Amino acid sequence: MPLSDDQPHTRTRLPVAEQSSHQMSGRQPRPLRTLLAVLVVVTLLVLAISVANRGKPDPGTGRSQTSADGAGADSDGKGGPAPANTAASGREPVTTTSGGVASGFPHTDQGAQSAAANYAVALGGAEMFRADSRHALVATVTDPSVTPQLQERLDKAFGPETVAGFGLDAQGKAPKGLTFVSRSVPVGTRTTNSADTATKVEVWCTGLVGLAGANSIKPVTENWYTLTVTMRWSGSDWKLTDFSRAAGPAPVPGDQQAATAEDITNAVQQFGGFRYAR
């Protein structure tokens, strides 16, 4: 029999524990909905990253295809070639030498730049101050068609007055108790005129030159210069045909304390030089 609305209502009061359980059951989280929301957010992030990275160069090459070919705009947007990547290319470096200088460079732009860097090291070495070692070195790195002219030119450049100006005797030897230092360290290279059989490469260098040891009147100093090397492909290697040198660009000197004469002497004797390959 149905009850009328006029009759008093009965309210049932649940125990506290059961009431809490009943109220919480209506607020239980929904794992499926939360998971879907997370997946949507992750998907949107992946899409955003993909769009942002579209068109960027491969990090393994460090430059886009345009700049790798030397045709891209420079950092100032003036249409010049972009700086070449000086990181290791991944190709096998040359392992052969001739007269103490690396040889057998590949017939490529990178091979030409590597040859130029190595020739810069050779032309800036202490061997250039001694006639016998200078003649052997010039014969090794130059094209035979120009060897006599370059030999005469370098003999004049490293004549008695130049050698004496560095504190050396007529044979290019340092005084007893002193060590003569002359090293060139390539900082970077760039091709300024490239052709299949001839090329011109600029090598930005820093150098060390002077007499290391106690009581030296010609202490070892640093200098910065750019060596422009013109080379010709000889059929099996790049050979030097001409070169010129210009001062700088030089950075602002640092505030490091100069090393003692003993420290410089030890460094020169204990740290060997490098051969360069790209």
Protein backbone atom coordinates (compact mmCIF):
# COMPACT_ATOMS: atom_id res chain seq x y z
CA MET A 1 0.00 0.00 0.00
CA PRO A 2 1.58 3.35 -1.01
CA LEU A 3 2.38 5.86 1.68
CA SER A 4 1.03 9.38 1.47
CA ASP A 5 3.29 12.43 1.66
CA ASP A 6 1.55 13.51 4.84
CA GLN A 7 3.07 10.71 6.83
CA PRO A 8 6.36 11.39 8.67
CA HIS A 9 9.59 10.42 6.85
CA THR A 10 12.12 8.07 8.37
CA ARG A 11 15.88 9.02 8.16
CA THR A 12 18.40 6.22 8.36
CA ARG A 13 21.76 7.21 9.90
CA LEU A 14 24.67 5.02 8.81
CA PRO A 15 27.63 4.26 11.06
CA VAL A 16 30.55 6.64 10.67
CA ALA A 17 32.87 4.13 8.91
CA GLU A 18 30.20 3.09 6.39
CA GLN A 19 29.20 6.71 5.74
CA SER A 20 32.78 7.75 4.89
CA SER A 21 33.19 4.78 2.58
CA HIS A 22 29.95 5.63 0.81
CA GLN A 23 30.91 9.29 0.32
CA MET A 24 34.41 8.48 -1.02
CA SER A 25 33.05 5.96 -3.50
CA GLY A 26 31.45 8.81 -5.41
CA ARG A 27 34.83 10.61 -5.80
CA GLN A 28 37.03 7.75 -6.95
CA PRO A 29 39.51 8.78 -9.69
CA ARG A 30 39.09 7.52 -13.20
CA PRO A 31 42.43 5.99 -14.29
CA LEU A 32 41.42 5.59 -17.94
CA ARG A 33 40.56 9.27 -18.36
CA THR A 34 43.81 10.36 -16.67
CA LEU A 35 45.89 8.07 -18.89
CA LEU A 36 44.25 9.43 -22.04
CA ALA A 37 44.96 13.00 -20.94
CA VAL A 38 48.66 12.21 -20.37
CA LEU A 39 48.95 10.55 -23.79
CA VAL A 40 47.40 13.57 -25.48
CA VAL A 41 49.87 15.95 -23.78
CA VAL A 42 52.88 13.78 -24.71
CA THR A 43 51.73 13.53 -28.32
CA LEU A 44 51.36 17.30 -28.58
CA LEU A 45 54.87 17.82 -27.16
CA VAL A 46 56.41 15.38 -29.65
CA LEU A 47 54.67 17.13 -32.54
CA ALA A 48 55.85 20.54 -31.32
CA ILE A 49 59.49 19.38 -31.05
CA SER A 50 59.35 17.82 -34.54
CA VAL A 51 58.08 21.07 -36.06
CA ALA A 52 60.71 23.13 -34.22
CA ASN A 53 63.58 20.92 -35.42
CA ARG A 54 62.40 20.73 -39.01
CA GLY A 55 65.03 22.08 -41.39
CA LYS A 56 67.86 22.15 -38.87
CA PRO A 57 71.22 20.67 -40.00
CA ASP A 58 72.30 17.25 -38.92
CA PRO A 59 74.25 17.61 -35.67
CA GLY A 60 76.81 15.15 -36.99
CA THR A 61 77.80 17.55 -39.76
CA GLY A 62 77.32 20.76 -37.85
CA ARG A 63 76.03 22.59 -40.94
CA SER A 64 73.36 22.39 -43.59
CA GLN A 65 73.96 21.11 -47.08
CA THR A 66 74.10 24.65 -48.40
CA SER A 67 76.84 25.75 -46.04
CA ALA A 68 78.71 22.48 -46.53
CA ASP A 69 79.01 23.36 -50.22
CA GLY A 70 80.23 26.84 -49.33
CA ALA A 71 77.24 28.58 -50.92
CA GLY A 72 75.25 29.57 -47.84
CA ALA A 73 75.01 33.03 -46.37
CA ASP A 74 77.46 34.06 -43.69
CA SER A 75 76.52 35.01 -40.15
CA ASP A 76 76.01 38.65 -41.20
CA GLY A 77 73.59 37.63 -43.95
CA LYS A 78 75.76 39.24 -46.64
CA GLY A 79 75.81 36.23 -48.92
CA GLY A 80 79.38 35.11 -48.22
CA PRO A 81 80.39 31.51 -47.52
CA ALA A 82 79.55 30.16 -44.10
CA PRO A 83 82.47 29.09 -41.89
CA ALA A 84 83.58 25.55 -42.64
CA ASN A 85 83.19 22.97 -39.93
CA THR A 86 86.60 22.30 -38.41
CA ALA A 87 85.51 19.23 -36.46
CA ALA A 88 86.78 15.82 -37.46
CA SER A 89 85.09 14.73 -40.67
CA GLY A 90 85.08 11.04 -39.86
CA ARG A 91 87.35 10.21 -42.80
CA GLU A 92 90.57 8.36 -42.18
CA PRO A 93 93.46 10.83 -41.61
CA VAL A 94 96.61 10.50 -43.67
CA THR A 95 99.16 8.16 -42.13
CA THR A 96 102.09 8.54 -44.54
CA THR A 97 104.92 11.05 -44.19
CA SER A 98 107.66 12.40 -46.41
CA GLY A 99 110.65 14.14 -44.90
CA GLY A 100 108.87 14.31 -41.55
CA VAL A 101 105.83 16.06 -43.06
CA ALA A 102 102.43 14.44 -43.56
CA SER A 103 101.75 13.47 -47.17
CA GLY A 104 99.23 11.62 -49.32
CA PHE A 105 96.34 14.03 -48.82
CA PRO A 106 93.11 13.26 -50.69
CA HIS A 107 92.20 15.16 -53.84
CA THR A 108 89.34 17.03 -52.11
CA ASP A 109 88.74 20.42 -50.56
CA GLN A 110 89.26 18.95 -47.10
CA GLY A 111 92.45 17.29 -48.30
CA ALA A 112 93.75 20.65 -49.56
CA GLN A 113 92.96 22.36 -46.25
CA SER A 114 94.64 19.57 -44.32
CA ALA A 115 97.73 19.85 -46.53
CA ALA A 116 97.82 23.62 -46.05
CA ALA A 117 97.62 23.26 -42.25
CA ASN A 118 100.49 20.77 -42.23
CA TYR A 119 102.59 22.93 -44.52
CA ALA A 120 101.98 25.91 -42.24
CA VAL A 121 103.37 23.87 -39.34
CA ALA A 122 106.41 22.88 -41.40
CA LEU A 123 107.14 26.42 -42.61
CA GLY A 124 106.86 27.75 -39.06
CA GLY A 125 109.15 25.18 -37.47
CA ALA A 126 112.66 25.57 -36.07
CA GLU A 127 114.02 23.53 -39.01
CA MET A 128 113.54 26.56 -41.24
CA PHE A 129 116.39 28.36 -39.41
CA ARG A 130 118.98 25.76 -40.49
CA ALA A 131 119.99 25.66 -44.15
CA ASP A 132 120.25 21.87 -44.53
CA SER A 133 116.89 21.05 -42.92
CA ARG A 134 115.23 24.00 -44.67
CA HIS A 135 116.35 22.80 -48.11
CA ALA A 136 115.11 19.28 -47.42
CA LEU A 137 111.76 20.54 -46.19
CA VAL A 138 111.20 22.88 -49.15
CA ALA A 139 112.01 20.07 -51.58
CA THR A 140 109.44 17.88 -49.81
CA VAL A 141 106.43 20.19 -49.74
CA THR A 142 106.81 22.25 -52.93
CA ASP A 143 105.94 21.50 -56.54
CA PRO A 144 109.19 20.67 -58.41
CA SER A 145 108.47 23.34 -61.02
CA VAL A 146 108.77 26.13 -58.41
CA THR A 147 111.17 24.56 -55.89
CA PRO A 148 114.26 26.56 -57.01
CA GLN A 149 112.45 29.91 -56.81
CA LEU A 150 110.91 29.21 -53.41
CA GLN A 151 114.23 27.85 -52.15
CA GLU A 152 116.01 31.08 -53.06
CA ARG A 153 113.23 33.18 -51.55
CA LEU A 154 113.32 31.34 -48.23
CA ASP A 155 117.13 31.40 -48.08
CA LYS A 156 116.92 35.19 -48.19
CA ALA A 157 114.13 35.29 -45.61
CA PHE A 158 116.18 33.16 -43.19
CA GLY A 159 119.50 34.79 -43.94
CA PRO A 160 122.29 35.49 -41.43
CA GLU A 161 120.72 38.70 -40.13
CA THR A 162 117.37 37.01 -39.45
CA VAL A 163 118.99 34.06 -37.71
CA ALA A 164 121.20 36.31 -35.59
CA GLY A 165 118.19 38.43 -34.67
CA PHE A 166 116.72 35.39 -32.90
CA GLY A 167 119.91 34.82 -30.93
CA LEU A 168 121.16 31.89 -33.05
CA ASP A 169 124.58 31.31 -34.58
CA ALA A 170 125.26 31.12 -38.32
CA GLN A 171 124.19 27.44 -38.39
CA GLY A 172 120.90 28.21 -36.70
CA LYS A 173 121.86 26.70 -33.35
CA ALA A 174 120.93 28.12 -29.96
CA PRO A 175 123.55 29.17 -27.40
CA LYS A 176 124.59 26.56 -24.87
CA GLY A 177 122.03 26.09 -22.12
CA LEU A 178 119.15 27.56 -24.16
CA THR A 179 116.46 25.92 -26.31
CA PHE A 180 115.26 27.59 -29.48
CA VAL A 181 111.49 27.44 -29.95
CA SER A 182 109.64 28.03 -33.21
CA ARG A 183 106.22 26.43 -33.56
CA SER A 184 103.12 27.24 -35.57
CA VAL A 185 99.71 26.02 -34.44
CA PRO A 186 96.85 26.24 -36.99
CA VAL A 187 93.65 27.60 -35.46
CA GLY A 188 91.47 27.29 -38.56
CA THR A 189 91.53 27.05 -42.34
CA ARG A 190 89.38 28.21 -45.22
CA THR A 191 89.50 27.80 -48.97
CA THR A 192 89.47 31.11 -50.82
CA ASN A 193 89.97 29.83 -54.37
CA SER A 194 89.26 26.22 -55.19
CA ALA A 195 89.76 24.37 -58.45
CA ASP A 196 90.22 20.76 -59.47
CA THR A 197 93.97 21.12 -60.05
CA ALA A 198 94.87 24.23 -58.00
CA THR A 199 93.61 25.82 -54.82
CA LYS A 200 94.35 28.63 -52.38
CA VAL A 201 93.88 28.11 -48.64
CA GLU A 202 94.23 30.56 -45.76
CA VAL A 203 95.52 29.17 -42.47
CA TRP A 204 94.96 31.23 -39.32
CA CYS A 205 97.80 30.45 -36.94
CA THR A 206 99.25 31.26 -33.59
CA GLY A 207 102.96 30.76 -33.08
CA LEU A 208 105.67 30.53 -30.46
CA VAL A 209 109.19 31.81 -31.11
CA GLY A 210 112.20 32.65 -28.95
CA LEU A 211 114.91 31.22 -26.75
CA ALA A 212 113.79 29.27 -23.68
CA GLY A 213 116.08 29.03 -20.70
CA ALA A 214 117.65 31.01 -17.90
CA ASN A 215 119.18 34.38 -18.83
CA SER A 216 117.57 34.36 -22.29
CA ILE A 217 117.58 37.76 -23.96
CA LYS A 218 115.00 36.54 -26.50
CA PRO A 219 112.25 34.96 -24.35
CA VAL A 220 109.56 32.89 -26.01
CA THR A 221 106.66 35.05 -27.19
CA GLU A 222 103.43 34.35 -29.04
CA ASN A 223 102.25 35.85 -32.30
CA TRP A 224 99.21 35.57 -34.56
CA TYR A 225 99.22 35.56 -38.34
CA THR A 226 97.44 34.25 -41.42
CA LEU A 227 99.39 32.19 -43.93
CA THR A 228 97.95 32.02 -47.46
CA VAL A 229 99.06 28.86 -49.24
CA THR A 230 98.66 28.23 -52.96
CA MET A 231 98.88 24.56 -53.97
CA ARG A 232 98.67 22.44 -57.08
CA TRP A 233 97.48 18.86 -57.43
CA SER A 234 100.51 16.92 -58.63
CA GLY A 235 98.67 13.72 -59.53
CA SER A 236 99.15 12.07 -56.15
CA ASP A 237 99.30 14.88 -53.59
CA TRP A 238 98.89 18.60 -52.98
CA LYS A 239 102.16 20.51 -53.46
CA LEU A 240 102.91 24.07 -52.49
CA THR A 241 103.52 26.60 -55.29
CA ASP A 242 103.40 29.92 -53.40
CA PHE A 243 102.69 31.43 -49.99
CA SER A 244 102.33 34.78 -48.27
CA ARG A 245 101.98 35.86 -44.67
CA ALA A 246 99.96 38.64 -43.03
CA ALA A 247 99.80 39.68 -39.39
CA GLY A 248 96.73 38.80 -37.28
CA PRO A 249 93.96 38.65 -36.52
CA ALA A 250 95.17 38.63 -32.92
CA PRO A 251 92.84 38.31 -29.91
CA VAL A 252 93.07 40.49 -26.81
CA PRO A 253 95.88 39.14 -24.60
CA GLY A 254 94.71 37.29 -21.52
CA ASP A 255 95.67 38.07 -17.94
CA GLN A 256 97.55 34.81 -17.37
CA GLN A 257 100.89 35.01 -15.63
CA ALA A 258 103.82 34.23 -17.92
CA ALA A 259 105.52 30.91 -17.25
CA THR A 260 109.08 30.71 -16.02
CA ALA A 261 111.91 29.97 -18.43
CA GLU A 262 112.23 26.49 -16.92
CA ASP A 263 108.52 25.74 -17.40
CA ILE A 264 108.64 26.81 -21.05
CA THR A 265 111.77 24.75 -21.68
CA ASN A 266 110.19 21.66 -20.14
CA ALA A 267 106.97 22.15 -22.11
CA VAL A 268 108.81 22.45 -25.41
CA GLN A 269 110.88 19.34 -24.72
CA GLN A 270 108.02 17.23 -23.36
CA PHE A 271 105.06 18.18 -25.61
CA GLY A 272 105.35 17.07 -29.21
CA GLY A 273 103.69 18.79 -32.15
CA PHE A 274 100.74 17.56 -34.22
CA ARG A 275 100.03 16.57 -37.78
CA TYR A 276 96.70 17.90 -38.97
CA ALA A 277 93.99 16.16 -41.02
CA ARG A 278 90.30 16.90 -41.53
